[in-house]
PDB file of N, CA and C in Angstrom:
ATOM      1  N   MET A   1     -28.909  63.649   3.203  1.00  0.00           N
ATOM      2  CA  MET A   1     -29.365  64.898   2.644  1.00  0.00           C
ATOM      3  C   MET A   1     -29.771  65.822   3.788  1.00  0.00           C
ATOM      4  N   LYS A   2     -29.307  67.030   3.750  1.00  0.00           N
ATOM      5  CA  LYS A   2     -29.657  68.004   4.776  1.00  0.00           C
ATOM      6  C   LYS A   2     -30.778  68.883   4.270  1.00  0.00           C
ATOM      7  N   LYS A   3     -31.691  69.231   5.163  1.00  0.00           N
ATOM      8  CA  LYS A   3     -32.823  70.109   4.850  1.00  0.00           C
ATOM      9  C   LYS A   3     -32.567  71.472   5.455  1.00  0.00           C
ATOM     10  N   SER A   4     -33.039  72.481   4.782  1.00  0.00           N
ATOM     11  CA  SER A   4     -32.936  73.858   5.276  1.00  0.00           C
ATOM     12  C   SER A   4     -34.281  74.306   5.805  1.00  0.00           C
ATOM     13  N   PHE A   5     -34.230  75.119   6.868  1.00  0.00           N
ATOM     14  CA  PHE A   5     -35.459  75.725   7.379  1.00  0.00           C
ATOM     15  C   PHE A   5     -35.085  76.991   8.129  1.00  0.00           C
ATOM     16  N   VAL A   6     -36.065  77.852   8.310  1.00  0.00           N
ATOM     17  CA  VAL A   6     -35.850  79.130   8.978  1.00  0.00           C
ATOM     18  C   VAL A   6     -36.203  78.968  10.455  1.00  0.00           C
ATOM     19  N   ILE A   7     -35.389  79.556  11.313  1.00  0.00           N
ATOM     20  CA  ILE A   7     -35.691  79.587  12.740  1.00  0.00           C
ATOM     21  C   ILE A   7     -35.511  81.039  13.203  1.00  0.00           C
ATOM     22  N   ARG A   8     -36.448  81.477  13.981  1.00  0.00           N
ATOM     23  CA  ARG A   8     -36.378  82.843  14.500  1.00  0.00           C
ATOM     24  C   ARG A   8     -36.080  82.793  15.982  1.00  0.00           C
ATOM     25  N   VAL A   9     -35.071  83.531  16.396  1.00  0.00           N
ATOM     26  CA  VAL A   9     -34.711  83.634  17.818  1.00  0.00           C
ATOM     27  C   VAL A   9     -34.447  85.097  18.130  1.00  0.00           C
ATOM     28  N   ASP A  10     -34.629  85.457  19.385  1.00  0.00           N
ATOM     29  CA  ASP A  10     -34.372  86.852  19.733  1.00  0.00           C
ATOM     30  C   ASP A  10     -32.854  87.115  19.778  1.00  0.00           C
ATOM     31  N   ASP A  11     -32.497  88.370  19.768  1.00  0.00           N
ATOM     32  CA  ASP A  11     -31.087  88.776  19.690  1.00  0.00           C
ATOM     33  C   ASP A  11     -30.241  88.201  20.817  1.00  0.00           C
ATOM     34  N   GLU A  12     -30.759  88.227  22.038  1.00  0.00           N
ATOM     35  CA  GLU A  12     -29.985  87.746  23.190  1.00  0.00           C
ATOM     36  C   GLU A  12     -29.716  86.255  23.073  1.00  0.00           C
ATOM     37  N   LEU A  13     -30.719  85.478  22.689  1.00  0.00           N
ATOM     38  CA  LEU A  13     -30.523  84.038  22.509  1.00  0.00           C
ATOM     39  C   LEU A  13     -29.486  83.778  21.420  1.00  0.00           C
ATOM     40  N   TYR A  14     -29.564  84.517  20.329  1.00  0.00           N
ATOM     41  CA  TYR A  14     -28.600  84.334  19.247  1.00  0.00           C
ATOM     42  C   TYR A  14     -27.182  84.654  19.720  1.00  0.00           C
ATOM     43  N   LYS A  15     -27.036  85.723  20.481  1.00  0.00           N
ATOM     44  CA  LYS A  15     -25.709  86.085  20.992  1.00  0.00           C
ATOM     45  C   LYS A  15     -25.147  84.977  21.870  1.00  0.00           C
ATOM     46  N   GLN A  16     -26.000  84.375  22.703  1.00  0.00           N
ATOM     47  CA  GLN A  16     -25.558  83.274  23.571  1.00  0.00           C
ATOM     48  C   GLN A  16     -25.162  82.044  22.737  1.00  0.00           C
ATOM     49  N   LEU A  17     -25.973  81.721  21.731  1.00  0.00           N
ATOM     50  CA  LEU A  17     -25.648  80.596  20.842  1.00  0.00           C
ATOM     51  C   LEU A  17     -24.345  80.854  20.098  1.00  0.00           C
ATOM     52  N   GLU A  18     -24.174  82.076  19.636  1.00  0.00           N
ATOM     53  CA  GLU A  18     -22.969  82.447  18.896  1.00  0.00           C
ATOM     54  C   GLU A  18     -21.720  82.289  19.764  1.00  0.00           C
ATOM     55  N   LYS A  19     -21.798  82.730  21.013  1.00  0.00           N
ATOM     56  CA  LYS A  19     -20.654  82.605  21.919  1.00  0.00           C
ATOM     57  C   LYS A  19     -20.361  81.133  22.209  1.00  0.00           C
ATOM     58  N   TRP A  20     -21.398  80.361  22.486  1.00  0.00           N
ATOM     59  CA  TRP A  20     -21.232  78.942  22.778  1.00  0.00           C
ATOM     60  C   TRP A  20     -20.628  78.227  21.569  1.00  0.00           C
ATOM     61  N   ALA A  21     -21.135  78.513  20.381  1.00  0.00           N
ATOM     62  CA  ALA A  21     -20.600  77.908  19.164  1.00  0.00           C
ATOM     63  C   ALA A  21     -19.119  78.271  18.995  1.00  0.00           C
ATOM     64  N   HIS A  22     -18.797  79.519  19.205  1.00  0.00           N
ATOM     65  CA  HIS A  22     -17.407  79.957  19.082  1.00  0.00           C
ATOM     66  C   HIS A  22     -16.511  79.226  20.074  1.00  0.00           C
ATOM     67  N   ASP A  23     -16.983  79.077  21.309  1.00  0.00           N
ATOM     68  CA  ASP A  23     -16.216  78.378  22.342  1.00  0.00           C
ATOM     69  C   ASP A  23     -15.937  76.923  21.972  1.00  0.00           C
ATOM     70  N   GLU A  24     -16.823  76.313  21.174  1.00  0.00           N
ATOM     71  CA  GLU A  24     -16.679  74.905  20.796  1.00  0.00           C
ATOM     72  C   GLU A  24     -16.241  74.748  19.336  1.00  0.00           C
ATOM     73  N   PHE A  25     -15.759  75.853  18.739  1.00  0.00           N
ATOM     74  CA  PHE A  25     -15.230  75.853  17.378  1.00  0.00           C
ATOM     75  C   PHE A  25     -16.246  75.339  16.356  1.00  0.00           C
ATOM     76  N   ARG A  26     -17.490  75.808  16.505  1.00  0.00           N
ATOM     77  CA  ARG A  26     -18.554  75.466  15.565  1.00  0.00           C
ATOM     78  C   ARG A  26     -19.192  76.749  15.054  1.00  0.00           C
ATOM     79  N   SER A  27     -19.897  76.619  13.934  1.00  0.00           N
ATOM     80  CA  SER A  27     -20.749  77.723  13.473  1.00  0.00           C
ATOM     81  C   SER A  27     -22.012  77.695  14.325  1.00  0.00           C
ATOM     82  N   VAL A  28     -22.789  78.759  14.293  1.00  0.00           N
ATOM     83  CA  VAL A  28     -24.044  78.779  15.019  1.00  0.00           C
ATOM     84  C   VAL A  28     -24.949  77.667  14.494  1.00  0.00           C
ATOM     85  N   ASN A  29     -25.011  77.515  13.179  1.00  0.00           N
ATOM     86  CA  ASN A  29     -25.810  76.464  12.576  1.00  0.00           C
ATOM     87  C   ASN A  29     -25.332  75.084  13.061  1.00  0.00           C
ATOM     88  N   GLY A  30     -24.021  74.871  13.070  1.00  0.00           N
ATOM     89  CA  GLY A  30     -23.460  73.601  13.535  1.00  0.00           C
ATOM     90  C   GLY A  30     -23.775  73.355  14.992  1.00  0.00           C
ATOM     91  N   GLN A  31     -23.760  74.405  15.796  1.00  0.00           N
ATOM     92  CA  GLN A  31     -24.067  74.273  17.225  1.00  0.00           C
ATOM     93  C   GLN A  31     -25.530  73.882  17.419  1.00  0.00           C
ATOM     94  N   ILE A  32     -26.426  74.514  16.688  1.00  0.00           N
ATOM     95  CA  ILE A  32     -27.844  74.182  16.797  1.00  0.00           C
ATOM     96  C   ILE A  32     -28.077  72.730  16.358  1.00  0.00           C
ATOM     97  N   GLU A  33     -27.445  72.333  15.277  1.00  0.00           N
ATOM     98  CA  GLU A  33     -27.585  70.948  14.797  1.00  0.00           C
ATOM     99  C   GLU A  33     -27.057  69.970  15.849  1.00  0.00           C
ATOM    100  N   TYR A  34     -25.925  70.281  16.440  1.00  0.00           N
ATOM    101  CA  TYR A  34     -25.341  69.432  17.496  1.00  0.00           C
ATOM    102  C   TYR A  34     -26.298  69.325  18.687  1.00  0.00           C
ATOM    103  N   LEU A  35     -26.855  70.446  19.128  1.00  0.00           N
ATOM    104  CA  LEU A  35     -27.773  70.442  20.271  1.00  0.00           C
ATOM    105  C   LEU A  35     -29.021  69.608  19.987  1.00  0.00           C
ATOM    106  N   ILE A  36     -29.567  69.745  18.797  1.00  0.00           N
ATOM    107  CA  ILE A  36     -30.753  68.965  18.440  1.00  0.00           C
ATOM    108  C   ILE A  36     -30.401  67.478  18.395  1.00  0.00           C
ATOM    109  N   HIS A  37     -29.291  67.149  17.778  1.00  0.00           N
ATOM    110  CA  HIS A  37     -28.859  65.763  17.651  1.00  0.00           C
ATOM    111  C   HIS A  37     -28.650  65.117  19.020  1.00  0.00           C
ATOM    112  N   THR A  38     -27.931  65.781  19.905  1.00  0.00           N
ATOM    113  CA  THR A  38     -27.673  65.205  21.221  1.00  0.00           C
ATOM    114  C   THR A  38     -28.951  65.119  22.043  1.00  0.00           C
ATOM    115  N   SER A  39     -29.856  66.080  21.878  1.00  0.00           N
ATOM    116  CA  SER A  39     -31.136  66.037  22.591  1.00  0.00           C
ATOM    117  C   SER A  39     -31.988  64.869  22.125  1.00  0.00           C
ATOM    118  N   LEU A  40     -32.001  64.606  20.824  1.00  0.00           N
ATOM    119  CA  LEU A  40     -32.745  63.464  20.292  1.00  0.00           C
ATOM    120  C   LEU A  40     -32.171  62.154  20.826  1.00  0.00           C
ATOM    121  N   GLN A  41     -30.850  62.049  20.889  1.00  0.00           N
ATOM    122  CA  GLN A  41     -30.226  60.846  21.444  1.00  0.00           C
ATOM    123  C   GLN A  41     -30.581  60.674  22.907  1.00  0.00           C
ATOM    124  N   LYS A  42     -30.463  61.733  23.669  1.00  0.00           N
ATOM    125  CA  LYS A  42     -30.751  61.692  25.107  1.00  0.00           C
ATOM    126  C   LYS A  42     -32.197  61.296  25.385  1.00  0.00           C
ATOM    127  N   ALA A  43     -33.117  61.744  24.523  1.00  0.00           N
ATOM    128  CA  ALA A  43     -34.528  61.446  24.683  1.00  0.00           C
ATOM    129  C   ALA A  43     -34.880  60.042  24.168  1.00  0.00           C
ATOM    130  N   GLY A  44     -33.897  59.349  23.613  1.00  0.00           N
ATOM    131  CA  GLY A  44     -34.143  58.005  23.089  1.00  0.00           C
ATOM    132  C   GLY A  44     -34.872  57.989  21.768  1.00  0.00           C
ATOM    133  N   ARG A  45     -34.832  59.098  21.062  1.00  0.00           N
ATOM    134  CA  ARG A  45     -35.538  59.186  19.777  1.00  0.00           C
ATOM    135  C   ARG A  45     -34.598  58.984  18.595  1.00  0.00           C
ATOM    136  N   MET A  46     -33.308  58.805  18.874  1.00  0.00           N
ATOM    137  CA  MET A  46     -32.327  58.581  17.822  1.00  0.00           C
ATOM    138  C   MET A  46     -31.253  57.645  18.364  1.00  0.00           C
ATOM    139  N   LYS A  47     -30.860  56.692  17.537  1.00  0.00           N
ATOM    140  CA  LYS A  47     -29.798  55.788  17.951  1.00  0.00           C
ATOM    141  C   LYS A  47     -28.502  56.570  18.119  1.00  0.00           C
ATOM    142  N   LYS A  48     -27.733  56.173  19.116  1.00  0.00           N
ATOM    143  CA  LYS A  48     -26.420  56.784  19.291  1.00  0.00           C
ATOM    144  C   LYS A  48     -25.526  56.303  18.160  1.00  0.00           C
ATOM    145  N   THR A  49     -24.790  57.234  17.568  1.00  0.00           N
ATOM    146  CA  THR A  49     -23.882  56.890  16.483  1.00  0.00           C
ATOM    147  C   THR A  49     -22.461  57.211  16.887  1.00  0.00           C
ATOM    148  N   THR A  50     -21.567  56.395  16.399  1.00  0.00           N
ATOM    149  CA  THR A  50     -20.162  56.683  16.613  1.00  0.00           C
ATOM    150  C   THR A  50     -19.711  57.693  15.579  1.00  0.00           C
ATOM    151  N   ALA A  51     -18.611  58.345  15.824  1.00  0.00           N
ATOM    152  CA  ALA A  51     -18.085  59.317  14.869  1.00  0.00           C
ATOM    153  C   ALA A  51     -17.805  58.648  13.527  1.00  0.00           C
ATOM    154  N   LYS A  52     -17.285  57.417  13.577  1.00  0.00           N
ATOM    155  CA  LYS A  52     -16.974  56.691  12.347  1.00  0.00           C
ATOM    156  C   LYS A  52     -18.228  56.407  11.543  1.00  0.00           C
ATOM    157  N   ALA A  53     -19.288  55.930  12.213  1.00  0.00           N
ATOM    158  CA  ALA A  53     -20.538  55.630  11.527  1.00  0.00           C
ATOM    159  C   ALA A  53     -21.148  56.888  10.938  1.00  0.00           C
ATOM    160  N   LYS A  54     -21.077  58.005  11.666  1.00  0.00           N
ATOM    161  CA  LYS A  54     -21.624  59.259  11.162  1.00  0.00           C
ATOM    162  C   LYS A  54     -20.852  59.711   9.928  1.00  0.00           C
ATOM    163  N   LYS A  55     -19.528  59.601   9.965  1.00  0.00           N
ATOM    164  CA  LYS A  55     -18.706  60.024   8.846  1.00  0.00           C
ATOM    165  C   LYS A  55     -19.030  59.175   7.610  1.00  0.00           C
ATOM    166  N   GLU A  56     -19.183  57.847   7.799  1.00  0.00           N
ATOM    167  CA  GLU A  56     -19.512  56.974   6.682  1.00  0.00           C
ATOM    168  C   GLU A  56     -20.890  57.319   6.124  1.00  0.00           C
ATOM    169  N   SER A  57     -21.831  57.606   7.025  1.00  0.00           N
ATOM    170  CA  SER A  57     -23.176  57.975   6.608  1.00  0.00           C
ATOM    171  C   SER A  57     -23.166  59.272   5.800  1.00  0.00           C
ATOM    172  N   ASP A  58     -22.391  60.246   6.263  1.00  0.00           N
ATOM    173  CA  ASP A  58     -22.280  61.517   5.559  1.00  0.00           C
ATOM    174  C   ASP A  58     -21.680  61.322   4.164  1.00  0.00           C
ATOM    175  N   GLN A  59     -20.698  60.423   4.053  1.00  0.00           N
ATOM    176  CA  GLN A  59     -20.069  60.155   2.762  1.00  0.00           C
ATOM    177  C   GLN A  59     -21.047  59.459   1.821  1.00  0.00           C
ATOM    178  N   ASP A  60     -21.858  58.551   2.354  1.00  0.00           N
ATOM    179  CA  ASP A  60     -22.843  57.844   1.540  1.00  0.00           C
ATOM    180  C   ASP A  60     -23.883  58.806   0.994  1.00  0.00           C
ATOM    181  N   ASN A  61     -24.196  59.844   1.757  1.00  0.00           N
ATOM    182  CA  ASN A  61     -25.208  60.811   1.343  1.00  0.00           C
ATOM    183  C   ASN A  61     -24.671  61.869   0.405  1.00  0.00           C
ATOM    184  N   SER A  62     -23.369  61.888   0.162  1.00  0.00           N
ATOM    185  CA  SER A  62     -22.772  62.905  -0.710  1.00  0.00           C
ATOM    186  C   SER A  62     -22.937  62.566  -2.172  1.00  0.00           C
TER     187      SER A  62
END
């Protein structure tokens, strides 16, 4: 299950996120989610998941 929340960023930061997301074929929301996810993994706060495990998890939550 995905949760929604509001985040406020200044215009310049948003423009940079938007460009980065576009370069990686993601939405801005998808890019932010990706950045948070990889940061949590890098910090050791989330187990690393394979693409297959993530896909199965997403299907189970549908």
